[in-house]
């Protein structure tokens, strides 16, 4: 199953770490362009889902940080829907 692929898991874990760091910086008032960075991160996450066809909820690295990803999506000005977490 593709969701169990260690490379995919690591890629999403790294993106999730970047999402957490951005949220921390926003909270501390250190983020220069938080909306643009959030949009870039959510775009990369969507691209991974689209290219692999994976349902992100099947990837442990994503499931462990869904709250952060929802906050990133709100910051980017979009909502997390089934279309953003599943390949279309």
Protein backbone atom coordinates (compact mmCIF):
# COMPACT_ATOMS: atom_id res chain seq x y z
CA UNK A 1 0.00 0.00 0.00
CA UNK A 2 1.38 3.39 -1.00
CA UNK A 3 0.38 5.06 2.29
CA UNK A 4 2.87 2.80 4.08
CA UNK A 5 5.74 3.86 1.81
CA UNK A 6 8.56 5.15 4.06
CA UNK A 7 9.63 7.79 1.53
CA UNK A 8 6.09 9.18 1.36
CA UNK A 9 5.81 9.07 5.15
CA UNK A 10 9.12 10.95 5.51
CA UNK A 11 8.14 13.59 2.93
CA UNK A 12 4.87 14.28 4.70
CA UNK A 13 6.60 14.24 8.10
CA UNK A 14 9.05 16.89 6.87
CA UNK A 15 6.22 19.03 5.50
CA UNK A 16 4.33 18.57 8.76
CA UNK A 17 7.41 19.74 10.66
CA UNK A 18 7.58 22.83 8.47
CA UNK A 19 3.87 23.46 9.10
CA UNK A 20 4.42 23.24 12.86
CA UNK A 21 7.40 25.61 12.64
CA UNK A 22 5.35 28.12 10.66
CA UNK A 23 2.52 28.03 13.18
CA UNK A 24 5.03 28.51 16.01
CA UNK A 25 6.56 31.50 14.19
CA UNK A 26 3.14 33.01 13.49
CA UNK A 27 2.23 32.70 17.16
CA UNK A 28 5.51 34.35 18.16
CA UNK A 29 5.08 37.12 15.59
CA UNK A 30 8.19 36.07 13.64
CA UNK A 31 6.59 35.00 10.34
CA UNK A 32 7.24 37.49 7.53
CA UNK A 33 4.62 36.25 5.04
CA UNK A 34 2.56 33.63 6.86
CA UNK A 35 -0.29 33.38 4.34
CA UNK A 36 2.06 32.89 1.41
CA UNK A 37 4.11 30.30 3.28
CA UNK A 38 0.94 28.49 4.43
CA UNK A 39 -0.34 28.45 0.85
CA UNK A 40 2.99 27.03 -0.34
CA UNK A 41 2.92 24.26 2.28
CA UNK A 42 -0.70 23.28 1.63
CA UNK A 43 0.03 23.34 -2.11
CA UNK A 44 2.95 20.95 -1.68
CA UNK A 45 0.80 18.64 0.45
CA UNK A 46 -1.97 18.65 -2.15
CA UNK A 47 0.56 17.94 -4.90
CA UNK A 48 1.87 14.90 -3.02
CA UNK A 49 -1.68 13.60 -2.62
CA UNK A 50 -2.47 14.25 -6.29
CA UNK A 51 0.72 12.68 -7.64
CA UNK A 52 0.59 9.58 -5.45
CA UNK A 53 -3.16 9.08 -5.33
CA UNK A 54 -2.90 8.53 -1.58
CA UNK A 55 -5.61 9.40 0.90
CA UNK A 56 -3.59 11.46 3.36
CA UNK A 57 -5.57 10.10 6.31
CA UNK A 58 -3.93 6.74 5.54
CA UNK A 59 -0.47 8.23 6.15
CA UNK A 60 0.53 8.22 9.84
CA UNK A 61 2.66 11.37 9.50
CA UNK A 62 -0.40 13.28 8.28
CA UNK A 63 -2.81 11.81 10.82
CA UNK A 64 -0.47 12.83 13.63
CA UNK A 65 -0.64 16.47 12.58
CA UNK A 66 -4.13 17.01 11.16
CA UNK A 67 -4.81 19.84 13.61
CA UNK A 68 -1.73 21.70 12.38
CA UNK A 69 -2.71 21.12 8.75
CA UNK A 70 -6.19 22.49 9.40
CA UNK A 71 -4.65 25.60 10.94
CA UNK A 72 -2.31 25.94 7.95
CA UNK A 73 -5.26 25.64 5.56
CA UNK A 74 -7.16 28.34 7.45
CA UNK A 75 -4.08 30.56 7.45
CA UNK A 76 -3.71 30.07 3.71
CA UNK A 77 -7.32 31.14 3.28
CA UNK A 78 -8.68 27.75 2.29
CA UNK A 79 -10.53 25.02 4.10
CA UNK A 80 -9.54 21.40 4.42
CA UNK A 81 -12.10 19.28 2.65
CA UNK A 82 -12.12 15.76 1.35
CA UNK A 83 -10.75 17.11 -1.95
CA UNK A 84 -7.62 18.43 -0.22
CA UNK A 85 -6.92 15.20 1.58
CA UNK A 86 -7.69 12.75 -1.22
CA UNK A 87 -6.37 12.60 -4.73
CA UNK A 88 -9.00 13.73 -7.20
